[in-house]
Amino acid sequence: MLVLPIKKKWFDMIINGEKQEEYRELKPYYHKRLGNYFINHVIDSNTKKVLRKMDTTTKEVIFRNGYSYNSPSVRCLCILNIGSGKTEWGADPNKEYYRLSILKIEEVRNVRTNEAKK
């Protein structure tokens, strides 16, 4: 499962249903992190070369407000695409990002009460 840290402002907006996308910059670090999780490797039968293609199926992603295992977290079903984002959700204008579109919130974990909400 992919776990990504997120700032409290964006974390709260996701939990409240206000924010439906999370953005990550198009940098080598995220090429590798997101690519390994969301991109399928397909072998071309003619050339035997490995082809990469975006996986359009939903994947579980945990957004964690902090770096500790016990930090507040939300487990979501997401799909990945590339494109511009909304400035009110933290994107810079005229800039492309990896966009994690949040389709469904599966679980919210609050550390203070140490309970899982579904």
C-alpha atoms as a PDB file:
ATOM      1  CA  MET A   1       0.000   0.000   0.000  1.00  0.00           C
ATOM      2  CA  LEU A   2       1.198   3.504  -0.786  1.00  0.00           C
ATOM      3  CA  VAL A   3       1.492   5.911   2.162  1.00  0.00           C
ATOM      4  CA  LEU A   4       1.959   9.619   1.472  1.00  0.00           C
ATOM      5  CA  PRO A   5       2.440  12.403   4.033  1.00  0.00           C
ATOM      6  CA  ILE A   6       0.092  15.359   3.756  1.00  0.00           C
ATOM      7  CA  LYS A   7      -0.286  18.719   5.489  1.00  0.00           C
ATOM      8  CA  LYS A   8      -3.068  19.147   8.045  1.00  0.00           C
ATOM      9  CA  LYS A   9      -4.966  21.714   5.956  1.00  0.00           C
ATOM     10  CA  TRP A  10      -5.275  19.311   2.999  1.00  0.00           C
ATOM     11  CA  PHE A  11      -5.855  16.316   5.273  1.00  0.00           C
ATOM     12  CA  ASP A  12      -8.833  18.024   6.934  1.00  0.00           C
ATOM     13  CA  MET A  13     -10.261  19.090   3.564  1.00  0.00           C
ATOM     14  CA  ILE A  14     -10.091  15.502   2.274  1.00  0.00           C
ATOM     15  CA  ILE A  15     -11.832  14.138   5.367  1.00  0.00           C
ATOM     16  CA  ASN A  16     -14.569  16.777   5.080  1.00  0.00           C
ATOM     17  CA  GLY A  17     -15.094  15.940   1.397  1.00  0.00           C
ATOM     18  CA  GLU A  18     -13.973  19.405   0.240  1.00  0.00           C
ATOM     19  CA  LYS A  19     -10.813  18.241  -1.561  1.00  0.00           C
ATOM     20  CA  GLN A  20     -11.094  15.437  -4.093  1.00  0.00           C
ATOM     21  CA  GLU A  21      -7.558  15.422  -5.515  1.00  0.00           C
ATOM     22  CA  GLU A  22      -4.070  15.362  -4.060  1.00  0.00           C
ATOM     23  CA  TYR A  23      -1.103  16.583  -6.101  1.00  0.00           C
ATOM     24  CA  ARG A  24       2.504  15.486  -6.348  1.00  0.00           C
ATOM     25  CA  GLU A  25       5.156  17.165  -8.491  1.00  0.00           C
ATOM     26  CA  LEU A  26       6.419  15.566 -11.691  1.00  0.00           C
ATOM     27  CA  LYS A  27       9.860  14.761 -10.274  1.00  0.00           C
ATOM     28  CA  PRO A  28      11.995  11.593 -10.346  1.00  0.00           C
ATOM     29  CA  TYR A  29      11.121  10.786  -6.723  1.00  0.00           C
ATOM     30  CA  TYR A  30       7.404  10.563  -7.534  1.00  0.00           C
ATOM     31  CA  HIS A  31       8.030   8.947 -10.919  1.00  0.00           C
ATOM     32  CA  LYS A  32       9.456   6.057  -8.957  1.00  0.00           C
ATOM     33  CA  ARG A  33       7.055   6.042  -5.977  1.00  0.00           C
ATOM     34  CA  LEU A  34       3.853   6.458  -7.929  1.00  0.00           C
ATOM     35  CA  GLY A  35       5.122   4.635 -10.988  1.00  0.00           C
ATOM     36  CA  ASN A  36       5.914   1.463  -9.082  1.00  0.00           C
ATOM     37  CA  TYR A  37       2.434   1.447  -7.576  1.00  0.00           C
ATOM     38  CA  PHE A  38       0.183   2.748 -10.354  1.00  0.00           C
ATOM     39  CA  ILE A  39       1.911   1.923 -13.624  1.00  0.00           C
ATOM     40  CA  ASN A  40       1.745  -1.510 -15.192  1.00  0.00           C
ATOM     41  CA  HIS A  41       4.729  -3.014 -16.940  1.00  0.00           C
ATOM     42  CA  VAL A  42       3.658  -4.762 -20.114  1.00  0.00           C
ATOM     43  CA  ILE A  43       6.005  -6.742 -22.355  1.00  0.00           C
ATOM     44  CA  ASP A  44       5.656  -6.155 -26.100  1.00  0.00           C
ATOM     45  CA  SER A  45       5.359  -9.627 -27.639  1.00  0.00           C
ATOM     46  CA  ASN A  46       7.158  -8.585 -30.847  1.00  0.00           C
ATOM     47  CA  THR A  47      10.136  -6.661 -29.468  1.00  0.00           C
ATOM     48  CA  LYS A  48      10.229  -8.180 -25.947  1.00  0.00           C
ATOM     49  CA  LYS A  49      10.681  -4.650 -24.592  1.00  0.00           C
ATOM     50  CA  VAL A  50       9.032  -3.548 -21.375  1.00  0.00           C
ATOM     51  CA  LEU A  51       6.313  -0.983 -21.986  1.00  0.00           C
ATOM     52  CA  ARG A  52       4.865   1.168 -19.238  1.00  0.00           C
ATOM     53  CA  LYS A  53       1.250   2.215 -19.182  1.00  0.00           C
ATOM     54  CA  MET A  54      -0.929   3.980 -16.655  1.00  0.00           C
ATOM     55  CA  ASP A  55      -3.115   1.645 -14.651  1.00  0.00           C
ATOM     56  CA  THR A  56      -6.669   2.970 -14.651  1.00  0.00           C
ATOM     57  CA  THR A  57      -7.846   0.702 -11.860  1.00  0.00           C
ATOM     58  CA  THR A  58      -8.381   2.099  -8.394  1.00  0.00           C
ATOM     59  CA  LYS A  59      -5.677   1.632  -5.786  1.00  0.00           C
ATOM     60  CA  GLU A  60      -5.663   2.214  -2.041  1.00  0.00           C
ATOM     61  CA  VAL A  61      -3.591   5.147  -0.844  1.00  0.00           C
ATOM     62  CA  ILE A  62      -3.105   6.248   2.744  1.00  0.00           C
ATOM     63  CA  PHE A  63      -2.684   9.976   3.289  1.00  0.00           C
ATOM     64  CA  ARG A  64      -1.027  10.539   6.666  1.00  0.00           C
ATOM     65  CA  ASN A  65      -0.890  13.841   8.537  1.00  0.00           C
ATOM     66  CA  GLY A  66       2.633  13.328   9.828  1.00  0.00           C
ATOM     67  CA  TYR A  67       5.362  10.754   9.497  1.00  0.00           C
ATOM     68  CA  SER A  68       4.644   8.519  12.490  1.00  0.00           C
ATOM     69  CA  TYR A  69       2.672   5.306  12.115  1.00  0.00           C
ATOM     70  CA  ASN A  70       0.290   6.696  14.768  1.00  0.00           C
ATOM     71  CA  SER A  71      -0.352   9.989  12.946  1.00  0.00           C
ATOM     72  CA  PRO A  72      -3.913  10.695  11.785  1.00  0.00           C
ATOM     73  CA  SER A  73      -4.529   9.019   8.447  1.00  0.00           C
ATOM     74  CA  VAL A  74      -7.186   8.490   5.829  1.00  0.00           C
ATOM     75  CA  ARG A  75      -7.302   5.451   3.531  1.00  0.00           C
ATOM     76  CA  CYS A  76      -8.768   6.279   0.127  1.00  0.00           C
ATOM     77  CA  LEU A  77      -9.464   4.633  -3.203  1.00  0.00           C
ATOM     78  CA  CYS A  78      -7.657   6.672  -5.860  1.00  0.00           C
ATOM     79  CA  ILE A  79      -6.773   6.711  -9.513  1.00  0.00           C
ATOM     80  CA  LEU A  80      -3.683   8.400 -10.918  1.00  0.00           C
ATOM     81  CA  ASN A  81      -3.474  10.725 -13.882  1.00  0.00           C
ATOM     82  CA  ILE A  82      -1.373  13.672 -14.962  1.00  0.00           C
ATOM     83  CA  GLY A  83      -2.695  17.178 -15.460  1.00  0.00           C
ATOM     84  CA  SER A  84      -3.206  20.602 -13.968  1.00  0.00           C
ATOM     85  CA  GLY A  85      -4.828  21.022 -10.591  1.00  0.00           C
ATOM     86  CA  LYS A  86      -7.063  23.438  -8.750  1.00  0.00           C
ATOM     87  CA  THR A  87      -5.387  26.345  -6.976  1.00  0.00           C
ATOM     88  CA  GLU A  88      -7.840  26.108  -4.076  1.00  0.00           C
ATOM     89  CA  TRP A  89      -6.554  22.561  -3.512  1.00  0.00           C
ATOM     90  CA  GLY A  90      -2.880  23.577  -3.506  1.00  0.00           C
ATOM     91  CA  ALA A  91      -1.849  23.464  -7.171  1.00  0.00           C
ATOM     92  CA  ASP A  92       0.101  26.226  -8.883  1.00  0.00           C
ATOM     93  CA  PRO A  93      -1.579  27.706 -11.964  1.00  0.00           C
ATOM     94  CA  ASN A  94      -0.389  26.420 -15.360  1.00  0.00           C
ATOM     95  CA  LYS A  95       1.617  23.579 -13.830  1.00  0.00           C
ATOM     96  CA  GLU A  96       1.128  19.856 -14.372  1.00  0.00           C
ATOM     97  CA  TYR A  97       1.152  17.336 -11.535  1.00  0.00           C
ATOM     98  CA  TYR A  98       0.537  13.741 -10.743  1.00  0.00           C
ATOM     99  CA  ARG A  99      -3.122  13.934  -9.715  1.00  0.00           C
ATOM    100  CA  LEU A 100      -4.415  11.388  -7.256  1.00  0.00           C
ATOM    101  CA  SER A 101      -8.178  11.586  -7.734  1.00  0.00           C
ATOM    102  CA  ILE A 102      -9.944  10.467  -4.564  1.00  0.00           C
ATOM    103  CA  LEU A 103     -12.921   8.315  -5.489  1.00  0.00           C
ATOM    104  CA  LYS A 104     -13.890   7.094  -2.035  1.00  0.00           C
ATOM    105  CA  ILE A 105     -12.775   7.425   1.581  1.00  0.00           C
ATOM    106  CA  GLU A 106     -12.462   3.936   3.019  1.00  0.00           C
ATOM    107  CA  GLU A 107     -11.298   4.685   6.564  1.00  0.00           C
ATOM    108  CA  VAL A 108     -10.332   7.644   8.743  1.00  0.00           C
ATOM    109  CA  ARG A 109      -7.993   6.969  11.631  1.00  0.00           C
ATOM    110  CA  ASN A 110      -7.838   9.462  14.484  1.00  0.00           C
ATOM    111  CA  VAL A 111      -4.916   9.015  16.858  1.00  0.00           C
ATOM    112  CA  ARG A 112      -6.444  10.890  19.805  1.00  0.00           C
ATOM    113  CA  THR A 113      -9.259   8.397  20.217  1.00  0.00           C
ATOM    114  CA  ASN A 114      -7.209   5.573  18.653  1.00  0.00           C
ATOM    115  CA  GLU A 115     -10.325   4.489  16.812  1.00  0.00           C
ATOM    116  CA  ALA A 116     -10.908   3.627  13.209  1.00  0.00           C
ATOM    117  CA  LYS A 117     -13.994   5.131  11.568  1.00  0.00           C
ATOM    118  CA  LYS A 118     -15.546   3.589   8.500  1.00  0.00           C
END
